[in-house]
Protein backbone atom coordinates (compact mmCIF):
# COMPACT_ATOMS: atom_id res chain seq x y z
CA MET A 1 77.08 98.43 38.35
CA ALA A 2 80.75 99.10 39.05
CA ASP A 3 82.12 102.63 38.73
CA ILE A 4 85.19 101.30 36.92
CA GLU A 5 85.50 98.20 34.76
CA VAL A 6 88.93 97.00 33.72
CA PRO A 7 90.38 93.64 32.67
CA VAL A 8 93.05 93.59 35.41
CA PHE A 9 93.06 95.43 38.73
CA ILE A 10 96.47 95.82 40.40
CA VAL A 11 96.85 96.58 44.10
CA GLY A 12 100.19 98.36 44.50
CA GLY A 13 101.92 100.90 42.29
CA SER A 14 105.54 100.46 43.26
CA LEU A 15 108.21 98.52 41.34
CA VAL A 16 106.26 95.31 40.78
CA GLY A 17 102.85 96.90 40.33
CA LEU A 18 104.30 99.32 37.78
CA SER A 19 106.05 96.46 35.98
CA THR A 20 102.86 94.38 35.91
CA ALA A 21 100.88 97.25 34.41
CA MET A 22 103.62 97.96 31.87
CA LEU A 23 103.91 94.33 30.76
CA LEU A 24 100.14 93.89 30.52
CA GLY A 25 100.08 96.99 28.33
CA HIS A 26 102.85 95.49 26.23
CA HIS A 27 100.44 92.62 25.51
CA GLY A 28 97.54 94.97 24.78
CA VAL A 29 95.72 94.59 28.11
CA ARG A 30 94.40 97.61 30.03
CA SER A 31 94.90 97.73 33.78
CA LEU A 32 94.21 99.98 36.74
CA ALA A 33 96.71 100.12 39.60
CA VAL A 34 96.06 101.81 42.94
CA GLU A 35 98.85 102.85 45.28
CA TYR A 36 98.52 104.10 48.86
CA HIS A 37 101.52 106.41 48.58
CA ARG A 38 101.24 109.72 46.76
CA GLY A 39 103.66 108.88 44.00
CA THR A 40 106.49 106.64 42.94
CA ALA A 41 109.37 105.83 45.31
CA ILE A 42 111.06 108.72 47.13
CA HIS A 43 113.92 106.59 48.54
CA PRO A 44 116.56 104.72 46.51
CA ARG A 45 115.68 101.27 47.96
CA ALA A 46 116.27 98.37 45.53
CA ALA A 47 119.01 99.28 43.10
CA GLN A 48 120.61 96.27 41.41
CA THR A 49 119.00 95.39 38.09
CA SER A 50 119.91 91.93 36.85
CA GLN A 51 120.58 90.94 33.27
CA ARG A 52 117.26 89.08 33.13
CA THR A 53 115.37 92.17 34.27
CA MET A 54 117.29 94.26 31.75
CA GLU A 55 116.24 91.77 29.06
CA ILE A 56 112.62 92.39 30.07
CA PHE A 57 113.16 96.15 29.90
CA ARG A 58 114.75 95.63 26.49
CA GLN A 59 111.52 94.01 25.27
CA VAL A 60 109.48 97.09 26.14
CA GLY A 61 112.00 99.66 24.91
CA LEU A 62 113.45 100.74 28.26
CA GLU A 63 116.91 99.18 28.27
CA GLN A 64 118.81 102.19 26.94
CA ILE A 65 117.16 104.77 29.17
CA VAL A 66 117.71 102.59 32.24
CA ARG A 67 121.37 102.20 31.33
CA GLN A 68 121.69 105.96 30.74
CA LYS A 69 120.13 106.78 34.10
CA SER A 70 122.38 104.23 35.76
CA GLU A 71 125.52 105.76 34.24
CA GLU A 72 124.44 109.13 35.57
CA GLN A 73 123.92 107.78 39.07
CA TYR A 74 126.40 104.97 39.73
CA VAL A 75 129.84 103.68 38.81
CA GLN A 76 129.37 101.00 36.15
CA ASP A 77 130.63 97.41 36.49
CA GLY A 78 131.45 97.98 40.13
CA GLY A 79 132.37 95.32 42.66
CA VAL A 80 130.97 93.95 45.92
CA LEU A 81 133.40 93.97 48.84
CA ALA A 82 133.64 94.27 52.60
CA VAL A 83 135.39 96.72 54.94
CA GLU A 84 135.69 97.14 58.69
CA THR A 85 135.35 100.85 58.02
CA LEU A 86 135.33 102.78 54.78
CA VAL A 87 138.47 104.67 55.77
CA GLY A 88 140.24 101.40 56.57
CA GLY A 89 139.66 99.95 53.11
CA PRO A 90 138.71 96.47 51.86
CA ILE A 91 139.08 93.31 53.93
CA ALA A 92 137.31 90.98 51.50
CA HIS A 93 136.17 90.96 47.87
CA TYR A 94 133.03 89.04 46.85
CA ILE A 95 132.63 90.23 43.26
CA ALA A 96 135.34 92.22 41.48
CA ASP A 97 133.18 93.40 38.58
CA LEU A 98 129.40 93.18 38.51
CA ASN A 99 129.48 92.00 34.89
CA GLU A 100 132.71 90.02 34.85
CA GLY A 101 132.19 86.59 33.30
CA VAL A 102 128.53 87.12 32.36
CA ARG A 103 128.61 89.29 29.26
CA ASP A 104 128.41 86.27 26.95
CA VAL A 105 125.02 85.06 28.18
CA SER A 106 122.91 88.12 27.43
CA PRO A 107 122.73 91.16 25.15
CA THR A 108 122.29 93.21 28.34
CA ALA A 109 124.43 93.98 31.38
CA ARG A 110 123.73 94.27 35.09
CA VAL A 111 123.35 97.84 36.30
CA PHE A 112 122.56 99.74 39.46
CA LEU A 113 119.68 102.20 39.34
CA SER A 114 117.87 103.27 42.47
CA GLN A 115 114.17 102.67 42.72
CA ASP A 116 113.30 106.35 42.92
CA ALA A 117 114.97 106.85 39.52
CA LEU A 118 113.61 103.66 37.91
CA GLU A 119 109.95 103.84 38.91
CA PRO A 120 109.12 107.06 37.00
CA GLN A 121 110.44 105.40 33.82
CA LEU A 122 108.25 102.35 34.39
CA ARG A 123 105.22 104.53 35.06
CA LYS A 124 105.76 106.60 31.93
CA ARG A 125 106.12 103.53 29.72
CA ALA A 126 103.13 101.81 31.31
CA GLU A 127 100.93 104.86 30.72
CA GLU A 128 102.12 105.01 27.11
CA LEU A 129 100.90 101.41 26.80
CA GLY A 130 97.46 102.20 28.23
CA ALA A 131 97.80 101.60 31.99
CA GLU A 132 96.05 103.84 34.51
CA PHE A 133 97.38 104.66 37.98
CA ARG A 134 95.62 106.09 41.01
CA PHE A 135 98.09 107.25 43.65
CA ALA A 136 97.09 108.29 47.18
CA THR A 137 94.39 105.66 46.80
CA GLU A 138 93.85 102.52 48.85
CA MET A 139 91.99 99.30 48.27
CA VAL A 140 89.43 99.06 51.09
CA SER A 141 87.87 95.67 50.41
CA PHE A 142 87.40 93.08 47.72
CA GLU A 143 85.51 89.91 46.96
CA GLN A 144 85.66 87.49 44.09
CA ASP A 145 83.25 85.21 42.33
CA SER A 146 83.41 82.80 39.42
CA HIS A 147 83.49 85.65 36.88
CA GLY A 148 85.74 88.26 38.41
CA VAL A 149 86.79 90.44 41.33
CA SER A 150 84.95 93.41 42.81
CA ALA A 151 86.90 95.90 44.91
CA VAL A 152 86.22 99.13 46.74
CA ILE A 153 88.90 101.81 46.47
CA ARG A 154 89.13 105.08 48.39
CA GLU A 155 90.95 108.32 47.67
CA ARG A 156 92.93 109.23 50.75
CA ASP A 157 92.43 113.00 50.51
CA SER A 158 88.76 113.25 49.60
CA GLY A 159 87.55 110.01 51.17
CA GLN A 160 85.60 109.31 47.98
CA THR A 161 85.04 105.63 47.27
CA GLN A 162 84.48 103.81 44.00
CA THR A 163 83.91 100.22 43.03
CA VAL A 164 86.16 98.44 40.57
CA ARG A 165 85.16 95.36 38.64
CA ALA A 166 87.92 93.33 37.03
CA GLN A 167 88.28 89.86 35.62
CA TYR A 168 91.52 89.34 37.54
CA MET A 169 93.40 91.03 40.36
CA VAL A 170 97.16 91.13 41.03
CA ALA A 171 98.34 91.83 44.56
CA ALA A 172 101.64 93.71 44.37
CA ASP A 173 101.10 95.46 47.68
CA GLY A 174 104.34 94.57 49.39
CA ALA A 175 105.68 92.53 52.25
CA HIS A 176 102.74 93.39 54.51
CA SER A 177 100.18 92.64 51.81
CA ARG A 178 96.64 93.28 52.97
CA VAL A 179 95.35 91.23 50.07
CA ARG A 180 97.40 88.22 51.13
CA GLU A 181 96.26 88.61 54.73
CA ARG A 182 92.59 88.80 53.74
CA LEU A 183 92.95 85.66 51.68
CA GLY A 184 94.42 83.89 54.70
CA ILE A 185 97.63 82.95 52.88
CA ARG A 186 100.49 82.25 55.27
CA MET A 187 104.12 83.23 54.82
CA LEU A 188 106.49 80.30 55.35
CA GLY A 189 110.25 80.34 55.86
CA HIS A 190 112.76 81.79 58.27
CA GLY A 191 110.61 84.61 59.59
CA THR A 192 112.00 88.01 60.56
CA PHE A 193 115.52 87.99 61.93
CA SER A 194 116.41 91.68 62.07
CA LYS A 195 114.62 94.98 62.47
CA SER A 196 116.90 96.95 60.22
CA ILE A 197 117.30 100.53 59.09
CA THR A 198 118.60 102.42 56.09
CA ILE A 199 120.14 105.81 56.79
CA TYR A 200 120.15 108.26 53.87
CA PHE A 201 122.82 110.90 54.31
CA ARG A 202 125.02 113.47 52.60
CA ALA A 203 128.78 113.76 53.06
CA ASN A 204 131.84 114.38 50.94
CA LEU A 205 132.97 110.79 50.36
CA ALA A 206 134.88 111.38 47.12
CA PRO A 207 138.33 111.16 48.80
CA PHE A 208 137.49 107.58 49.88
CA VAL A 209 135.56 106.12 46.94
CA GLU A 210 136.35 108.15 43.82
CA GLY A 211 138.50 106.13 41.45
CA HIS A 212 137.33 102.82 42.93
CA LYS A 213 134.77 100.64 41.16
CA TRP A 214 132.73 99.85 44.26
CA SER A 215 129.01 99.15 43.91
CA VAL A 216 128.16 97.60 47.28
CA VAL A 217 130.42 97.88 50.32
CA TYR A 218 129.60 95.66 53.30
CA VAL A 219 130.60 97.02 56.69
CA LEU A 220 131.56 94.34 59.22
CA ASN A 221 133.06 95.39 62.55
CA ARG A 222 132.56 95.04 66.30
CA GLN A 223 129.95 97.80 66.37
CA LEU A 224 127.65 97.01 63.42
CA SER A 225 127.00 94.97 60.30
CA GLY A 226 125.50 96.58 57.22
CA PHE A 227 126.36 97.98 53.81
CA PHE A 228 127.04 101.22 51.95
CA ARG A 229 125.94 102.34 48.50
CA PHE A 230 127.27 105.56 46.99
CA GLU A 231 125.87 107.83 44.28
CA LYS A 232 127.85 110.09 41.97
CA PRO A 233 129.43 112.58 42.55
CA PHE A 234 129.95 110.78 45.88
CA ASP A 235 128.28 113.34 48.09
CA LYS A 236 125.19 111.22 48.67
CA ALA A 237 124.94 107.69 50.07
CA PHE A 238 123.01 105.36 52.29
CA LEU A 239 124.01 102.94 55.02
CA GLY A 240 121.86 99.90 55.65
CA VAL A 241 122.34 98.47 59.15
CA PHE A 242 121.32 94.88 59.92
CA THR A 243 122.65 94.47 63.50
CA VAL A 244 124.68 96.34 66.09
CA GLY A 245 127.07 95.22 68.82
CA ASP A 246 129.21 92.15 69.30
CA PRO A 247 129.01 90.06 66.09
CA GLU A 248 128.82 86.87 68.15
CA HIS A 249 125.85 88.18 70.18
CA PRO A 250 124.45 91.09 68.16
CA VAL A 251 121.41 93.22 68.80
CA MET A 252 119.01 92.31 65.96
CA ASP A 253 116.62 95.21 66.56
CA VAL A 254 118.31 98.35 65.30
CA SER A 255 115.04 100.16 64.64
CA THR A 256 113.26 100.53 67.98
CA GLY A 257 114.05 103.78 69.77
CA LEU A 258 116.41 105.00 67.05
CA THR A 259 117.28 108.70 67.28
CA GLU A 260 118.91 111.02 64.77
CA GLN A 261 121.98 111.22 67.01
CA ARG A 262 122.26 107.44 67.06
CA SER A 263 121.90 107.37 63.25
CA LEU A 264 124.74 109.86 63.00
CA GLU A 265 126.90 107.70 65.30
CA LEU A 266 126.28 104.61 63.17
CA VAL A 267 127.30 106.41 59.97
CA ARG A 268 130.47 107.72 61.62
CA THR A 269 131.29 104.25 62.93
CA ALA A 270 130.88 102.73 59.48
CA LEU A 271 132.97 105.48 57.89
CA GLY A 272 135.69 105.13 60.50
CA THR A 273 136.05 108.87 61.10
CA ASP A 274 134.21 111.71 62.83
CA THR A 275 135.96 114.49 60.92
CA ILE A 276 133.61 114.52 57.90
CA PRO A 277 130.49 116.72 58.13
CA ILE A 278 127.40 114.52 57.76
CA THR A 279 123.78 115.47 57.17
CA ILE A 280 121.14 112.82 57.88
CA GLU A 281 118.33 113.23 55.35
CA ASN A 282 116.04 110.36 56.24
CA VAL A 283 115.84 106.95 57.87
CA MET A 284 113.81 104.02 56.58
CA HIS A 285 112.83 101.23 58.96
CA TRP A 286 112.39 97.73 57.56
CA GLU A 287 112.50 94.07 58.54
CA ALA A 288 115.02 91.56 57.24
CA SER A 289 112.98 88.43 56.49
CA ALA A 290 113.16 85.35 54.29
CA ASN A 291 109.72 83.94 53.56
CA ILE A 292 107.51 82.83 50.71
CA ALA A 293 103.72 82.70 50.50
CA GLU A 294 102.36 79.17 50.76
CA ARG A 295 100.47 79.78 47.50
CA LEU A 296 100.54 82.50 44.84
CA GLN A 297 97.01 82.15 43.51
CA ASP A 298 93.58 82.23 45.08
CA GLY A 299 90.92 81.95 42.40
CA ARG A 300 91.20 85.10 40.29
CA VAL A 301 93.74 86.78 42.57
CA PHE A 302 97.51 86.44 42.11
CA LEU A 303 100.36 87.45 44.41
CA ALA A 304 103.53 89.00 42.97
CA GLY A 305 106.69 90.63 44.29
CA ASP A 306 107.09 91.13 48.03
CA ALA A 307 103.48 90.06 48.55
CA ALA A 308 104.61 86.64 47.31
CA HIS A 309 108.14 86.46 48.71
CA VAL A 310 110.37 88.56 50.94
CA MET A 311 114.13 88.24 51.24
CA PRO A 312 117.09 90.16 52.64
CA PRO A 313 118.85 92.52 50.22
CA ASN A 314 121.99 90.38 49.97
CA GLY A 315 122.49 89.57 46.30
CA GLY A 316 120.02 92.20 45.10
CA PHE A 317 117.46 89.57 44.11
CA GLY A 318 114.21 90.89 45.63
CA GLY A 319 113.02 93.50 43.16
CA ASN A 320 114.27 91.50 40.20
CA THR A 321 112.32 88.44 41.31
CA GLY A 322 109.17 90.55 41.46
CA VAL A 323 109.66 91.94 37.95
CA GLN A 324 110.09 88.38 36.71
CA ASP A 325 106.83 87.40 38.45
CA ALA A 326 105.10 90.12 36.47
CA HIS A 327 106.76 88.99 33.24
CA ASN A 328 105.61 85.42 33.76
CA LEU A 329 102.04 86.39 34.60
CA ALA A 330 101.33 89.18 32.09
CA TRP A 331 101.35 87.13 28.87
CA LYS A 332 99.25 84.41 30.46
CA LEU A 333 96.60 86.86 31.61
CA ALA A 334 96.65 88.46 28.17
CA LEU A 335 96.03 85.21 26.29
CA VAL A 336 93.28 84.15 28.68
CA LEU A 337 91.57 87.55 28.52
CA LYS A 338 91.71 87.45 24.71
CA GLY A 339 90.14 83.99 24.69
CA VAL A 340 93.18 82.38 23.07
CA ALA A 341 94.06 80.29 26.13
CA ARG A 342 91.84 78.57 28.66
CA PRO A 343 91.99 79.81 32.28
CA GLY A 344 93.93 76.68 33.17
CA LEU A 345 97.02 78.37 31.73
CA LEU A 346 97.01 80.68 34.75
CA SER A 347 97.65 77.75 37.09
CA SER A 348 101.12 77.52 35.57
CA TYR A 349 101.99 80.87 37.19
CA PRO A 350 102.11 79.57 40.79
CA LEU A 351 103.66 76.29 39.67
CA GLU A 352 106.50 78.08 37.92
CA ARG A 353 107.10 81.10 40.10
CA HIS A 354 106.69 79.48 43.52
CA LYS A 355 109.71 77.22 43.02
CA ALA A 356 111.76 80.01 41.48
CA GLY A 357 110.81 82.36 44.30
CA ALA A 358 111.52 79.84 47.06
CA PHE A 359 114.95 79.08 45.60
CA THR A 360 115.79 82.79 45.40
CA VAL A 361 114.62 83.45 48.97
CA GLU A 362 116.91 80.71 50.27
CA GLN A 363 119.84 82.03 48.26
CA ALA A 364 119.39 85.54 49.64
CA TYR A 365 119.10 84.09 53.15
CA SER A 366 122.32 82.08 52.73
CA ARG A 367 124.17 85.19 51.63
CA TYR A 368 122.78 87.15 54.58
CA VAL A 369 123.94 84.54 57.10
CA LEU A 370 127.34 83.91 55.55
CA ARG A 371 128.21 87.54 54.84
CA THR A 372 126.68 89.48 57.71
CA ALA A 373 125.45 87.24 60.54
CA PRO A 374 128.10 84.94 62.04
CA ASN A 375 125.85 84.40 65.07
CA MET A 376 123.11 82.70 63.04
CA SER A 377 122.97 78.93 62.63
CA ARG A 378 124.29 77.35 59.45
CA ASP A 379 122.17 74.24 59.96
CA GLY A 380 120.14 73.50 56.84
CA LEU A 381 121.60 76.49 55.05
CA GLN A 382 121.27 76.13 51.28
CA PRO A 383 124.67 76.12 49.53
CA VAL A 384 125.34 79.36 47.70
CA ALA A 385 124.61 78.97 43.99
CA PRO A 386 126.15 81.20 41.31
CA ASP A 387 124.35 84.51 40.91
CA LEU A 388 123.81 83.71 37.23
CA ASN A 389 121.78 80.61 38.09
CA ILE A 390 119.54 82.68 40.35
CA GLU A 391 119.06 85.50 37.87
CA MET A 392 118.28 83.48 34.75
CA GLY A 393 118.96 79.79 35.36
CA TYR A 394 115.73 78.87 37.15
CA ILE A 395 113.79 76.05 35.49
CA TYR A 396 110.03 75.96 35.01
CA HIS A 397 107.92 72.81 35.39
CA SER A 398 104.24 73.10 34.49
CA ASP A 399 101.70 72.27 31.81
CA ALA A 400 102.98 75.33 29.94
CA VAL A 401 106.16 73.36 29.21
CA VAL A 402 106.04 70.25 27.01
CA PRO A 403 108.77 67.58 27.03
CA GLU A 404 110.57 67.02 23.75
CA ASP A 405 110.27 63.22 23.61
CA PRO A 406 108.24 62.58 20.45
CA ASN A 407 106.44 59.67 22.11
CA HIS A 408 105.55 61.63 25.22
CA GLU A 409 101.90 61.76 26.26
CA PHE A 410 102.25 64.84 28.45
CA SER A 411 101.71 63.06 31.78
CA SER A 412 102.12 65.39 34.77
CA GLU A 413 104.13 62.76 36.66
CA ASP A 414 106.90 62.91 34.09
CA ARG A 415 107.14 66.67 34.55
CA ASP A 416 108.12 66.23 38.20
CA ASP A 417 111.76 67.23 37.90
CA SER A 418 113.74 68.06 41.01
CA ARG A 419 116.09 70.47 39.22
CA VAL A 420 115.23 74.02 40.19
CA HIS A 421 118.18 75.76 38.55
CA GLU A 422 121.28 75.34 36.46
CA SER A 423 123.76 77.51 34.61
CA PRO A 424 122.09 79.19 31.63
CA ARG A 425 125.16 78.16 29.64
CA GLU A 426 124.20 74.52 30.17
CA SER A 427 120.46 74.67 29.45
CA ARG A 428 120.94 74.50 25.66
CA GLY A 429 117.33 75.40 24.98
CA ARG A 430 115.75 72.58 26.99
CA PRO A 431 112.02 73.01 27.56
CA GLY A 432 111.36 75.00 30.73
CA THR A 433 114.55 77.05 30.53
CA ARG A 434 115.17 80.58 29.31
CA ALA A 435 115.88 80.58 25.57
CA PRO A 436 119.62 81.18 25.06
CA HIS A 437 121.06 84.42 23.79
CA ILE A 438 123.13 84.23 20.63
CA TRP A 439 124.11 87.07 18.33
CA LEU A 440 122.38 86.93 14.93
CA GLU A 441 122.05 89.36 12.04
CA ARG A 442 118.84 90.56 10.44
CA HIS A 443 119.27 92.40 7.15
CA GLY A 444 122.86 93.12 8.13
CA GLU A 445 122.05 94.49 11.59
CA GLN A 446 123.24 92.64 14.69
CA ILE A 447 120.44 91.46 16.97
CA SER A 448 120.14 89.03 19.83
CA SER A 449 118.05 85.89 19.43
CA LEU A 450 116.12 87.29 22.41
CA ASP A 451 115.00 90.23 20.26
CA LEU A 452 112.78 87.79 18.35
CA PHE A 453 110.65 87.14 21.46
CA GLY A 454 108.30 89.26 23.51
CA ARG A 455 104.69 89.32 22.32
CA ASN A 456 103.84 86.10 20.47
CA PHE A 457 104.87 82.49 20.51
CA VAL A 458 107.90 82.01 18.27
CA LEU A 459 108.99 78.96 16.30
CA LEU A 460 112.71 79.31 15.72
CA ALA A 461 114.03 76.86 13.11
CA GLY A 462 117.57 75.82 12.24
CA PRO A 463 119.25 76.64 8.92
CA GLU A 464 118.08 73.37 7.32
CA GLY A 465 114.59 73.40 8.84
CA SER A 466 112.72 74.79 5.84
CA ALA A 467 109.67 72.59 6.35
CA TRP A 468 108.95 74.15 9.75
CA ALA A 469 108.23 77.51 8.19
CA ARG A 470 105.89 75.93 5.66
CA VAL A 471 103.74 74.03 8.14
CA ALA A 472 103.89 76.07 11.35
CA HIS A 473 101.31 78.71 10.48
CA ASP A 474 98.89 76.10 9.17
CA ARG A 475 99.20 74.10 12.39
CA ALA A 476 98.69 77.15 14.58
CA LYS A 477 95.81 78.71 12.64
CA PRO A 478 93.03 76.45 14.01
CA LEU A 479 94.14 77.40 17.53
CA ASP A 480 93.67 81.13 16.78
CA ILE A 481 97.15 82.00 18.04
CA ASP A 482 99.68 84.44 16.63
CA LEU A 483 102.81 82.45 15.87
CA ASP A 484 105.98 84.10 14.58
CA VAL A 485 108.21 81.79 12.53
CA HIS A 486 111.88 82.55 12.02
CA LYS A 487 114.27 80.30 10.12
CA ILE A 488 117.99 80.89 10.14
CA GLY A 489 118.97 81.79 6.58
CA GLU A 490 115.58 83.17 5.45
CA ASN A 491 114.07 86.67 5.35
CA GLY A 492 117.42 88.28 6.08
CA LEU A 493 118.04 86.37 9.34
CA THR A 494 121.55 84.91 9.50
CA ASP A 495 123.80 83.23 12.04
CA PRO A 496 127.32 84.59 11.40
CA SER A 497 128.94 82.52 14.16
CA GLY A 498 127.21 79.30 13.12
CA GLY A 499 126.44 78.59 16.75
CA PHE A 500 122.65 78.76 16.78
CA SER A 501 121.88 75.03 16.56
CA VAL A 502 124.36 74.11 19.28
CA ALA A 503 123.12 76.90 21.56
CA TYR A 504 119.54 75.63 21.27
CA GLY A 505 120.43 71.94 21.53
CA ILE A 506 119.03 70.99 18.13
CA THR A 507 120.37 69.80 14.80
CA PRO A 508 120.32 72.19 11.82
CA THR A 509 116.92 70.68 10.89
CA GLY A 510 115.38 71.15 14.34
CA ALA A 511 113.27 73.90 15.88
CA ALA A 512 112.34 75.39 19.25
CA LEU A 513 108.96 76.78 20.29
CA VAL A 514 109.49 79.80 22.56
CA ARG A 515 106.82 81.38 24.77
CA PRO A 516 106.17 85.13 24.87
CA ASP A 517 108.25 85.36 28.06
CA GLY A 518 111.28 83.93 26.28
CA PHE A 519 111.16 80.49 27.90
CA VAL A 520 111.30 77.37 25.73
CA ALA A 521 107.93 75.64 25.66
CA TRP A 522 109.05 72.71 23.49
CA ARG A 523 111.64 71.76 20.94
CA SER A 524 112.27 69.13 18.30
CA LYS A 525 115.91 68.30 17.74
CA THR A 526 115.27 67.23 14.14
CA GLU A 527 112.81 67.92 11.36
CA ASP A 528 110.40 65.10 10.67
CA GLY A 529 106.76 64.76 9.77
CA ALA A 530 105.77 63.46 13.19
CA SER A 531 107.31 66.44 14.95
CA GLN A 532 105.64 68.90 12.64
CA GLU A 533 102.30 67.20 13.17
CA ARG A 534 102.76 67.71 16.90
CA ILE A 535 103.03 71.51 16.78
CA ASN A 536 99.32 72.14 17.13
CA LYS A 537 99.06 69.51 19.90
CA VAL A 538 101.96 71.12 21.75
CA ILE A 539 100.51 74.62 21.45
CA ALA A 540 97.08 73.37 22.52
CA THR A 541 98.67 71.72 25.55
CA VAL A 542 100.46 74.90 26.59
CA LEU A 543 97.29 76.96 26.15
CA CYS A 544 95.13 74.38 27.94
CA GLN A 545 92.96 74.06 24.85
CA PRO A 546 91.20 70.80 23.92
CA ARG A 547 93.49 68.49 21.97
């Protein structure tokens, strides 16, 4: 008999482990997460929160508090630029305004919030939703069988061990994942190309940065390459250093043998002055790598976050990609655990997230090479795609996405589509893409179309699609699935701009079936009897139920 029985056991209680537990709780699934460290993050670490991640936080009621915390900590809508030294000022601008040109695609905005400020909010919300966390606790061993996973955990202080029995396990235990190693899953990609550091320090930087909307400041000179990030009121910052020395022949190992005096010299070099008093508070050592696990699932064990993919910080994609892993996996685990979906649904997780993760890793790597490493080869470098495509334009291809052709027989060969990403403005609600945001009104209150998604499957019908609402529940009932049906023009839901049908790529009589994660599972451009008859077949296909 196990000491602890829980539906899902999570190894890792940092950003991705916390998000996984929170999102499982959002779907009514209990989880236990163990974390080796004694609490949530103590260093700022990952800070940029993408619009897609903010949409996920919006679903669970965290968007406003995250934005509030961000406003307290960072300048909003800041830019990304480069300097030789901070005192010398900008030499290049990459992004003038973090949210310029993207406000139309989402009800949310990109923000900066350091990990040590974000993680306590995730933990609090996850615990409110029923998650349990054990900090200062490590996973010692595990084994799986056809019915579940058994693990031994140990409290670091007391040495006490307990056994955990779960139906599924999620490895969110970071770039050096012990779970991944024990499963024998290789990391593939570009390997490690820098032993980097982040120096956390205090100094009065207000004379140099106050009044400027600077979010990330790259430092590129003959002594080092790295980047600054500053917190209000500009007396606290960190400097990440990738390489030192001649940019054409740099030293890639900044970490080995580092002293506090050398850390102080690097900060002064990046600032461009030695007249400002500086206090070094801490130094974090880390490796700049760009790799992805060769597979994200092994039986009842799933990899997420840095355990599944590691990437350099350029672009701020790493933590966001991990949160989106958790978002993709949580609803699938929930439906399988509740008996609504067959376990085959879970195989769509690696199919969908591996391609999205690999694409993001390559994009972060391209930005690293082009922005900070002129010595590294450009051969085979993936062209830089727009940030928006990376954040919310990735395209899913799996059995959890059904083509819209009414004569389609759901053959896997026809799902083999080489497109990995596109602009979310161009997706127009195609199956496998994130459902578009459009402003609607419900009983006179403005809402986003995204506010209709989050827990259940949703059938969203056009203003002339009355028949969908009449038949949808009847078609879904035999499959024992909760299906929310919303028709534009009924039950107080209106489309003031008249743009809903165009945004979703349907006629006014059509409808789109949206998954709990807000991705389009299927759509019918028009209303006809054949399409309505197909709803239960489509849902059964997505859930891997017999058809």
